[in-house]
């Protein structure tokens, strides 16, 4: 098996009456491998199954190939995230 693909997480929406307790906001992006410590633990708990599905060749029914949309488990403020495989060219842009 080859190298695991890189995964980018992006906050795409917020639903609920309160702001994110961790301070996340729409448009914020994270590299899963290098910045996961900056992501709310509740969101990371929800993210892990989707990350594994994407990294090992799976597909989420009803979602675009190479992507997975999910939300954190905080009922006060539901932050919606999009996980996506980062292609090598995107991960290492040519200068």
PDB file of N, CA and C in Angstrom:
ATOM      1  N   UNK A   1       0.849  -1.192   0.000  1.00  0.00           N
ATOM      2  CA  UNK A   1       0.000   0.000   0.000  1.00  0.00           C
ATOM      3  C   UNK A   1       0.884   1.240   0.000  1.00  0.00           C
ATOM      4  N   UNK A   2       0.492   2.255  -0.749  1.00  0.00           N
ATOM      5  CA  UNK A   2       1.270   3.477  -0.867  1.00  0.00           C
ATOM      6  C   UNK A   2       1.111   4.382   0.340  1.00  0.00           C
ATOM      7  N   UNK A   3       1.679   5.548   0.202  1.00  0.00           N
ATOM      8  CA  UNK A   3       1.614   6.548   1.255  1.00  0.00           C
ATOM      9  C   UNK A   3       0.169   7.008   1.470  1.00  0.00           C
ATOM     10  N   UNK A   4      -0.181   7.200   2.726  1.00  0.00           N
ATOM     11  CA  UNK A   4      -1.532   7.688   3.032  1.00  0.00           C
ATOM     12  C   UNK A   4      -1.704   9.103   2.497  1.00  0.00           C
ATOM     13  N   UNK A   5      -2.851   9.395   1.898  1.00  0.00           N
ATOM     14  CA  UNK A   5      -3.062  10.757   1.391  1.00  0.00           C
ATOM     15  C   UNK A   5      -3.211  11.748   2.541  1.00  0.00           C
ATOM     16  N   UNK A   6      -2.839  12.979   2.264  1.00  0.00           N
ATOM     17  CA  UNK A   6      -3.039  14.051   3.246  1.00  0.00           C
ATOM     18  C   UNK A   6      -4.504  14.441   3.252  1.00  0.00           C
ATOM     19  N   UNK A   7      -4.961  14.911   4.399  1.00  0.00           N
ATOM     20  CA  UNK A   7      -6.359  15.310   4.571  1.00  0.00           C
ATOM     21  C   UNK A   7      -6.414  16.757   5.062  1.00  0.00           C
ATOM     22  N   UNK A   8      -7.256  17.535   4.413  1.00  0.00           N
ATOM     23  CA  UNK A   8      -7.513  18.906   4.849  1.00  0.00           C
ATOM     24  C   UNK A   8      -8.914  18.953   5.444  1.00  0.00           C
ATOM     25  N   UNK A   9      -9.055  19.626   6.582  1.00  0.00           N
ATOM     26  CA  UNK A   9     -10.357  19.841   7.209  1.00  0.00           C
ATOM     27  C   UNK A   9     -10.695  21.327   7.103  1.00  0.00           C
ATOM     28  N   UNK A  10     -11.927  21.619   6.691  1.00  0.00           N
ATOM     29  CA  UNK A  10     -12.389  22.998   6.564  1.00  0.00           C
ATOM     30  C   UNK A  10     -13.712  23.146   7.307  1.00  0.00           C
ATOM     31  N   UNK A  11     -13.837  24.212   8.097  1.00  0.00           N
ATOM     32  CA  UNK A  11     -15.116  24.517   8.746  1.00  0.00           C
ATOM     33  C   UNK A  11     -15.997  25.171   7.679  1.00  0.00           C
ATOM     34  N   UNK A  12     -17.145  24.546   7.389  1.00  0.00           N
ATOM     35  CA  UNK A  12     -17.998  25.034   6.299  1.00  0.00           C
ATOM     36  C   UNK A  12     -19.301  25.692   6.758  1.00  0.00           C
ATOM     37  N   UNK A  13     -19.703  25.443   8.003  1.00  0.00           N
ATOM     38  CA  UNK A  13     -20.984  25.997   8.463  1.00  0.00           C
ATOM     39  C   UNK A  13     -21.040  25.925   9.982  1.00  0.00           C
ATOM     40  N   UNK A  14     -21.934  26.718  10.566  1.00  0.00           N
ATOM     41  CA  UNK A  14     -22.213  26.670  12.005  1.00  0.00           C
ATOM     42  C   UNK A  14     -23.713  26.686  12.166  1.00  0.00           C
ATOM     43  N   UNK A  15     -24.202  25.766  12.963  1.00  0.00           N
ATOM     44  CA  UNK A  15     -25.638  25.697  13.242  1.00  0.00           C
ATOM     45  C   UNK A  15     -25.813  25.665  14.751  1.00  0.00           C
ATOM     46  N   UNK A  16     -26.743  26.404  15.235  1.00  0.00           N
ATOM     47  CA  UNK A  16     -26.957  26.466  16.675  1.00  0.00           C
ATOM     48  C   UNK A  16     -26.948  27.904  17.153  1.00  0.00           C
ATOM     49  N   UNK A  17     -27.279  28.104  18.411  1.00  0.00           N
ATOM     50  CA  UNK A  17     -27.469  29.438  18.965  1.00  0.00           C
ATOM     51  C   UNK A  17     -26.198  30.080  19.507  1.00  0.00           C
ATOM     52  N   UNK A  18     -25.190  29.274  19.780  1.00  0.00           N
ATOM     53  CA  UNK A  18     -23.966  29.799  20.397  1.00  0.00           C
ATOM     54  C   UNK A  18     -22.804  29.722  19.417  1.00  0.00           C
ATOM     55  N   UNK A  19     -21.754  30.465  19.717  1.00  0.00           N
ATOM     56  CA  UNK A  19     -20.518  30.351  18.953  1.00  0.00           C
ATOM     57  C   UNK A  19     -19.758  29.118  19.412  1.00  0.00           C
ATOM     58  N   UNK A  20     -18.780  28.735  18.647  1.00  0.00           N
ATOM     59  CA  UNK A  20     -17.980  27.557  18.971  1.00  0.00           C
ATOM     60  C   UNK A  20     -17.197  27.780  20.262  1.00  0.00           C
ATOM     61  N   UNK A  21     -17.260  26.816  21.154  1.00  0.00           N
ATOM     62  CA  UNK A  21     -16.558  26.920  22.431  1.00  0.00           C
ATOM     63  C   UNK A  21     -15.043  26.928  22.256  1.00  0.00           C
ATOM     64  N   UNK A  22     -14.570  26.374  21.164  1.00  0.00           N
ATOM     65  CA  UNK A  22     -13.130  26.314  20.879  1.00  0.00           C
ATOM     66  C   UNK A  22     -12.685  27.501  20.013  1.00  0.00           C
ATOM     67  N   UNK A  23     -13.649  28.298  19.550  1.00  0.00           N
ATOM     68  CA  UNK A  23     -13.330  29.482  18.754  1.00  0.00           C
ATOM     69  C   UNK A  23     -13.213  29.233  17.257  1.00  0.00           C
ATOM     70  N   UNK A  24     -13.637  28.068  16.782  1.00  0.00           N
ATOM     71  CA  UNK A  24     -13.578  27.801  15.352  1.00  0.00           C
ATOM     72  C   UNK A  24     -14.585  28.678  14.614  1.00  0.00           C
ATOM     73  N   UNK A  25     -14.261  28.997  13.370  1.00  0.00           N
ATOM     74  CA  UNK A  25     -15.150  29.837  12.565  1.00  0.00           C
ATOM     75  C   UNK A  25     -15.181  29.322  11.134  1.00  0.00           C
ATOM     76  N   UNK A  26     -16.224  29.683  10.425  1.00  0.00           N
ATOM     77  CA  UNK A  26     -16.405  29.255   9.038  1.00  0.00           C
ATOM     78  C   UNK A  26     -15.222  29.738   8.208  1.00  0.00           C
ATOM     79  N   UNK A  27     -14.712  28.847   7.383  1.00  0.00           N
ATOM     80  CA  UNK A  27     -13.586  29.162   6.514  1.00  0.00           C
ATOM     81  C   UNK A  27     -12.236  28.725   7.068  1.00  0.00           C
ATOM     82  N   UNK A  28     -12.191  28.403   8.333  1.00  0.00           N
ATOM     83  CA  UNK A  28     -10.941  27.962   8.950  1.00  0.00           C
ATOM     84  C   UNK A  28     -10.553  26.593   8.393  1.00  0.00           C
ATOM     85  N   UNK A  29      -9.265  26.395   8.094  1.00  0.00           N
ATOM     86  CA  UNK A  29      -8.791  25.122   7.554  1.00  0.00           C
ATOM     87  C   UNK A  29      -7.659  24.579   8.412  1.00  0.00           C
ATOM     88  N   UNK A  30      -7.518  23.263   8.379  1.00  0.00           N
ATOM     89  CA  UNK A  30      -6.498  22.572   9.151  1.00  0.00           C
ATOM     90  C   UNK A  30      -5.914  21.432   8.329  1.00  0.00           C
ATOM     91  N   UNK A  31      -4.625  21.222   8.443  1.00  0.00           N
ATOM     92  CA  UNK A  31      -3.994  20.021   7.913  1.00  0.00           C
ATOM     93  C   UNK A  31      -4.137  18.970   9.007  1.00  0.00           C
ATOM     94  N   UNK A  32      -4.805  17.866   8.699  1.00  0.00           N
ATOM     95  CA  UNK A  32      -5.103  16.861   9.707  1.00  0.00           C
ATOM     96  C   UNK A  32      -3.843  16.326  10.390  1.00  0.00           C
ATOM     97  N   UNK A  33      -2.772  16.112   9.630  1.00  0.00           N
ATOM     98  CA  UNK A  33      -1.570  15.514  10.207  1.00  0.00           C
ATOM     99  C   UNK A  33      -0.737  16.478  11.032  1.00  0.00           C
ATOM    100  N   UNK A  34      -0.694  17.739  10.648  1.00  0.00           N
ATOM    101  CA  UNK A  34       0.204  18.673  11.335  1.00  0.00           C
ATOM    102  C   UNK A  34      -0.501  19.636  12.275  1.00  0.00           C
ATOM    103  N   UNK A  35      -1.830  19.791  12.144  1.00  0.00           N
ATOM    104  CA  UNK A  35      -2.541  20.779  12.953  1.00  0.00           C
ATOM    105  C   UNK A  35      -3.692  20.194  13.758  1.00  0.00           C
ATOM    106  N   UNK A  36      -3.736  18.885  13.882  1.00  0.00           N
ATOM    107  CA  UNK A  36      -4.889  18.281  14.564  1.00  0.00           C
ATOM    108  C   UNK A  36      -5.004  18.722  16.023  1.00  0.00           C
ATOM    109  N   UNK A  37      -3.911  19.102  16.663  1.00  0.00           N
ATOM    110  CA  UNK A  37      -3.965  19.578  18.045  1.00  0.00           C
ATOM    111  C   UNK A  37      -4.704  20.891  18.198  1.00  0.00           C
ATOM    112  N   UNK A  38      -4.916  21.596  17.099  1.00  0.00           N
ATOM    113  CA  UNK A  38      -5.629  22.878  17.134  1.00  0.00           C
ATOM    114  C   UNK A  38      -7.140  22.701  16.985  1.00  0.00           C
ATOM    115  N   UNK A  39      -7.559  21.495  16.657  1.00  0.00           N
ATOM    116  CA  UNK A  39      -8.976  21.239  16.402  1.00  0.00           C
ATOM    117  C   UNK A  39      -9.651  20.753  17.686  1.00  0.00           C
ATOM    118  N   UNK A  40     -10.846  21.214  17.920  1.00  0.00           N
ATOM    119  CA  UNK A  40     -11.629  20.833  19.097  1.00  0.00           C
ATOM    120  C   UNK A  40     -11.671  19.304  19.244  1.00  0.00           C
ATOM    121  N   UNK A  41     -11.435  18.799  20.443  1.00  0.00           N
ATOM    122  CA  UNK A  41     -11.476  17.348  20.652  1.00  0.00           C
ATOM    123  C   UNK A  41     -12.824  16.712  20.303  1.00  0.00           C
ATOM    124  N   UNK A  42     -13.925  17.426  20.513  1.00  0.00           N
ATOM    125  CA  UNK A  42     -15.232  16.864  20.152  1.00  0.00           C
ATOM    126  C   UNK A  42     -15.341  16.714  18.641  1.00  0.00           C
ATOM    127  N   UNK A  43     -14.827  17.674  17.889  1.00  0.00           N
ATOM    128  CA  UNK A  43     -14.844  17.578  16.433  1.00  0.00           C
ATOM    129  C   UNK A  43     -13.909  16.459  15.965  1.00  0.00           C
ATOM    130  N   UNK A  44     -12.748  16.341  16.586  1.00  0.00           N
ATOM    131  CA  UNK A  44     -11.801  15.295  16.199  1.00  0.00           C
ATOM    132  C   UNK A  44     -12.386  13.911  16.451  1.00  0.00           C
ATOM    133  N   UNK A  45     -13.102  13.764  17.536  1.00  0.00           N
ATOM    134  CA  UNK A  45     -13.733  12.474  17.839  1.00  0.00           C
ATOM    135  C   UNK A  45     -14.682  12.065  16.706  1.00  0.00           C
ATOM    136  N   UNK A  46     -15.411  13.041  16.182  1.00  0.00           N
ATOM    137  CA  UNK A  46     -16.338  12.767  15.075  1.00  0.00           C
ATOM    138  C   UNK A  46     -15.591  12.595  13.759  1.00  0.00           C
ATOM    139  N   UNK A  47     -14.451  13.249  13.599  1.00  0.00           N
ATOM    140  CA  UNK A  47     -13.706  13.236  12.336  1.00  0.00           C
ATOM    141  C   UNK A  47     -13.000  11.918  12.060  1.00  0.00           C
ATOM    142  N   UNK A  48     -12.480  11.261  13.091  1.00  0.00           N
ATOM    143  CA  UNK A  48     -11.636  10.079  12.889  1.00  0.00           C
ATOM    144  C   UNK A  48     -12.234   9.025  11.962  1.00  0.00           C
ATOM    145  N   UNK A  49     -13.494   8.609  12.121  1.00  0.00           N
ATOM    146  CA  UNK A  49     -14.018   7.577  11.205  1.00  0.00           C
ATOM    147  C   UNK A  49     -14.025   8.031   9.747  1.00  0.00           C
ATOM    148  N   UNK A  50     -14.340   9.302   9.508  1.00  0.00           N
ATOM    149  CA  UNK A  50     -14.367   9.817   8.144  1.00  0.00           C
ATOM    150  C   UNK A  50     -12.963   9.896   7.552  1.00  0.00           C
ATOM    151  N   UNK A  51     -12.000  10.296   8.367  1.00  0.00           N
ATOM    152  CA  UNK A  51     -10.606  10.364   7.911  1.00  0.00           C
ATOM    153  C   UNK A  51     -10.148   8.970   7.489  1.00  0.00           C
ATOM    154  N   UNK A  52     -10.425   7.982   8.307  1.00  0.00           N
ATOM    155  CA  UNK A  52     -10.026   6.607   7.967  1.00  0.00           C
ATOM    156  C   UNK A  52     -10.697   6.120   6.687  1.00  0.00           C
ATOM    157  N   UNK A  53     -11.971   6.410   6.522  1.00  0.00           N
ATOM    158  CA  UNK A  53     -12.678   6.002   5.312  1.00  0.00           C
ATOM    159  C   UNK A  53     -12.001   6.604   4.086  1.00  0.00           C
ATOM    160  N   UNK A  54     -11.716   7.906   4.132  1.00  0.00           N
ATOM    161  CA  UNK A  54     -11.082   8.566   2.988  1.00  0.00           C
ATOM    162  C   UNK A  54      -9.676   8.050   2.737  1.00  0.00           C
ATOM    163  N   UNK A  55      -8.900   7.910   3.787  1.00  0.00           N
ATOM    164  CA  UNK A  55      -7.498   7.501   3.635  1.00  0.00           C
ATOM    165  C   UNK A  55      -7.334   6.090   3.094  1.00  0.00           C
ATOM    166  N   UNK A  56      -8.276   5.243   3.359  1.00  0.00           N
ATOM    167  CA  UNK A  56      -8.124   3.854   2.948  1.00  0.00           C
ATOM    168  C   UNK A  56      -9.023   3.476   1.782  1.00  0.00           C
ATOM    169  N   UNK A  57      -9.412   4.504   0.989  1.00  0.00           N
ATOM    170  CA  UNK A  57     -10.069   4.247  -0.279  1.00  0.00           C
ATOM    171  C   UNK A  57     -11.579   4.152  -0.256  1.00  0.00           C
ATOM    172  N   UNK A  58     -12.198   4.430   0.877  1.00  0.00           N
ATOM    173  CA  UNK A  58     -13.647   4.354   0.956  1.00  0.00           C
ATOM    174  C   UNK A  58     -14.323   5.602   0.411  1.00  0.00           C
ATOM    175  N   UNK A  59     -15.624   5.520   0.309  1.00  0.00           N
ATOM    176  CA  UNK A  59     -16.438   6.637  -0.175  1.00  0.00           C
ATOM    177  C   UNK A  59     -17.659   6.758   0.723  1.00  0.00           C
ATOM    178  N   UNK A  60     -18.027   7.984   1.030  1.00  0.00           N
ATOM    179  CA  UNK A  60     -19.199   8.258   1.846  1.00  0.00           C
ATOM    180  C   UNK A  60     -20.406   8.336   0.899  1.00  0.00           C
ATOM    181  N   UNK A  61     -21.428   7.507   1.099  1.00  0.00           N
ATOM    182  CA  UNK A  61     -22.603   7.545   0.220  1.00  0.00           C
ATOM    183  C   UNK A  61     -23.202   8.949   0.152  1.00  0.00           C
ATOM    184  N   UNK A  62     -23.496   9.387  -1.072  1.00  0.00           N
ATOM    185  CA  UNK A  62     -24.124  10.680  -1.274  1.00  0.00           C
ATOM    186  C   UNK A  62     -23.175  11.859  -1.245  1.00  0.00           C
ATOM    187  N   UNK A  63     -21.880  11.606  -1.065  1.00  0.00           N
ATOM    188  CA  UNK A  63     -20.914  12.700  -1.028  1.00  0.00           C
ATOM    189  C   UNK A  63     -19.894  12.534  -2.145  1.00  0.00           C
ATOM    190  N   UNK A  64     -19.363  13.653  -2.575  1.00  0.00           N
ATOM    191  CA  UNK A  64     -18.379  13.663  -3.650  1.00  0.00           C
ATOM    192  C   UNK A  64     -17.173  12.799  -3.278  1.00  0.00           C
ATOM    193  N   UNK A  65     -16.638  12.058  -4.239  1.00  0.00           N
ATOM    194  CA  UNK A  65     -15.499  11.187  -3.982  1.00  0.00           C
ATOM    195  C   UNK A  65     -14.326  12.005  -3.434  1.00  0.00           C
ATOM    196  N   UNK A  66     -13.671  11.463  -2.413  1.00  0.00           N
ATOM    197  CA  UNK A  66     -12.525  12.135  -1.802  1.00  0.00           C
ATOM    198  C   UNK A  66     -12.902  13.167  -0.763  1.00  0.00           C
ATOM    199  N   UNK A  67     -14.207  13.244  -0.431  1.00  0.00           N
ATOM    200  CA  UNK A  67     -14.660  14.207   0.571  1.00  0.00           C
ATOM    201  C   UNK A  67     -15.603  13.541   1.572  1.00  0.00           C
ATOM    202  N   UNK A  68     -15.716  14.163   2.725  1.00  0.00           N
ATOM    203  CA  UNK A  68     -16.663  13.716   3.748  1.00  0.00           C
ATOM    204  C   UNK A  68     -17.084  14.934   4.557  1.00  0.00           C
ATOM    205  N   UNK A  69     -18.365  15.186   4.626  1.00  0.00           N
ATOM    206  CA  UNK A  69     -18.870  16.278   5.444  1.00  0.00           C
ATOM    207  C   UNK A  69     -19.450  15.689   6.723  1.00  0.00           C
ATOM    208  N   UNK A  70     -19.124  16.299   7.849  1.00  0.00           N
ATOM    209  CA  UNK A  70     -19.581  15.812   9.151  1.00  0.00           C
ATOM    210  C   UNK A  70     -19.688  17.006  10.093  1.00  0.00           C
ATOM    211  N   UNK A  71     -20.266  16.783  11.254  1.00  0.00           N
ATOM    212  CA  UNK A  71     -20.350  17.867  12.229  1.00  0.00           C
ATOM    213  C   UNK A  71     -19.867  17.388  13.588  1.00  0.00           C
ATOM    214  N   UNK A  72     -19.519  18.354  14.436  1.00  0.00           N
ATOM    215  CA  UNK A  72     -19.101  18.018  15.790  1.00  0.00           C
ATOM    216  C   UNK A  72     -20.329  17.619  16.610  1.00  0.00           C
ATOM    217  N   UNK A  73     -20.093  17.157  17.800  1.00  0.00           N
ATOM    218  CA  UNK A  73     -21.188  16.646  18.622  1.00  0.00           C
ATOM    219  C   UNK A  73     -21.702  17.644  19.655  1.00  0.00           C
ATOM    220  N   UNK A  74     -21.313  18.906  19.555  1.00  0.00           N
ATOM    221  CA  UNK A  74     -21.745  19.921  20.517  1.00  0.00           C
ATOM    222  C   UNK A  74     -23.128  20.440  20.136  1.00  0.00           C
ATOM    223  N   UNK A  75     -24.143  20.109  20.912  1.00  0.00           N
ATOM    224  CA  UNK A  75     -25.525  20.489  20.604  1.00  0.00           C
ATOM    225  C   UNK A  75     -25.764  21.994  20.684  1.00  0.00           C
ATOM    226  N   UNK A  76     -24.934  22.723  21.455  1.00  0.00           N
ATOM    227  CA  UNK A  76     -25.108  24.176  21.557  1.00  0.00           C
ATOM    228  C   UNK A  76     -24.707  24.888  20.270  1.00  0.00           C
ATOM    229  N   UNK A  77     -23.666  24.405  19.641  1.00  0.00           N
ATOM    230  CA  UNK A  77     -23.194  24.986  18.391  1.00  0.00           C
ATOM    231  C   UNK A  77     -22.620  23.879  17.528  1.00  0.00           C
ATOM    232  N   UNK A  78     -23.322  23.525  16.524  1.00  0.00           N
ATOM    233  CA  UNK A  78     -22.908  22.421  15.658  1.00  0.00           C
ATOM    234  C   UNK A  78     -22.031  23.003  14.555  1.00  0.00           C
ATOM    235  N   UNK A  79     -20.740  22.704  14.625  1.00  0.00           N
ATOM    236  CA  UNK A  79     -19.807  23.144  13.597  1.00  0.00           C
ATOM    237  C   UNK A  79     -19.733  22.056  12.533  1.00  0.00           C
ATOM    238  N   UNK A  80     -19.902  22.447  11.279  1.00  0.00           N
ATOM    239  CA  UNK A  80     -19.871  21.514  10.156  1.00  0.00           C
ATOM    240  C   UNK A  80     -18.484  21.579   9.518  1.00  0.00           C
ATOM    241  N   UNK A  81     -17.907  20.424   9.295  1.00  0.00           N
ATOM    242  CA  UNK A  81     -16.573  20.309   8.714  1.00  0.00           C
ATOM    243  C   UNK A  81     -16.637  19.532   7.410  1.00  0.00           C
ATOM    244  N   UNK A  82     -15.702  19.847   6.525  1.00  0.00           N
ATOM    245  CA  UNK A  82     -15.520  19.064   5.306  1.00  0.00           C
ATOM    246  C   UNK A  82     -14.096  18.522   5.340  1.00  0.00           C
ATOM    247  N   UNK A  83     -13.971  17.214   5.232  1.00  0.00           N
ATOM    248  CA  UNK A  83     -12.667  16.566   5.119  1.00  0.00           C
ATOM    249  C   UNK A  83     -12.468  16.255   3.648  1.00  0.00           C
ATOM    250  N   UNK A  84     -11.268  16.504   3.151  1.00  0.00           N
ATOM    251  CA  UNK A  84     -11.002  16.184   1.754  1.00  0.00           C
ATOM    252  C   UNK A  84      -9.563  15.750   1.563  1.00  0.00           C
ATOM    253  N   UNK A  85      -9.387  14.841   0.632  1.00  0.00           N
ATOM    254  CA  UNK A  85      -8.051  14.378   0.279  1.00  0.00           C
ATOM    255  C   UNK A  85      -7.339  15.508  -0.444  1.00  0.00           C
ATOM    256  N   UNK A  86      -6.094  15.756  -0.049  1.00  0.00           N
ATOM    257  CA  UNK A  86      -5.273  16.772  -0.682  1.00  0.00           C
ATOM    258  C   UNK A  86      -4.367  16.077  -1.679  1.00  0.00           C
ATOM    259  N   UNK A  87      -4.498  16.439  -2.937  1.00  0.00           N
ATOM    260  CA  UNK A  87      -3.665  15.863  -3.988  1.00  0.00           C
ATOM    261  C   UNK A  87      -2.239  16.364  -3.815  1.00  0.00           C
ATOM    262  N   UNK A  88      -1.273  15.583  -4.258  1.00  0.00           N
ATOM    263  CA  UNK A  88       0.136  15.954  -4.105  1.00  0.00           C
ATOM    264  C   UNK A  88       0.457  17.325  -4.647  1.00  0.00           C
ATOM    265  N   UNK A  89      -0.103  17.680  -5.804  1.00  0.00           N
ATOM    266  CA  UNK A  89       0.153  18.986  -6.383  1.00  0.00           C
ATOM    267  C   UNK A  89      -0.344  20.100  -5.495  1.00  0.00           C
ATOM    268  N   UNK A  90      -1.512  19.895  -4.865  1.00  0.00           N
ATOM    269  CA  UNK A  90      -2.064  20.899  -3.972  1.00  0.00           C
ATOM    270  C   UNK A  90      -1.250  20.975  -2.701  1.00  0.00           C
ATOM    271  N   UNK A  91      -0.769  19.832  -2.215  1.00  0.00           N
ATOM    272  CA  UNK A  91       0.010  19.797  -0.984  1.00  0.00           C
ATOM    273  C   UNK A  91       1.382  20.434  -1.184  1.00  0.00           C
ATOM    274  N   UNK A  92       1.938  20.309  -2.390  1.00  0.00           N
ATOM    275  CA  UNK A  92       3.258  20.858  -2.694  1.00  0.00           C
ATOM    276  C   UNK A  92       3.182  21.706  -3.954  1.00  0.00           C
ATOM    277  N   UNK A  93       2.576  22.905  -3.843  1.00  0.00           N
ATOM    278  CA  UNK A  93       2.400  23.712  -5.049  1.00  0.00           C
ATOM    279  C   UNK A  93       3.749  24.092  -5.669  1.00  0.00           C
ATOM    280  N   UNK A  94       3.764  24.136  -6.995  1.00  0.00           N
ATOM    281  CA  UNK A  94       4.977  24.525  -7.713  1.00  0.00           C
ATOM    282  C   UNK A  94       5.131  26.034  -7.646  1.00  0.00           C
ATOM    283  N   UNK A  95       6.332  26.464  -7.397  1.00  0.00           N
ATOM    284  CA  UNK A  95       6.589  27.911  -7.316  1.00  0.00           C
ATOM    285  C   UNK A  95       6.950  28.466  -8.663  1.00  0.00           C
TER     286      UNK A  95
END
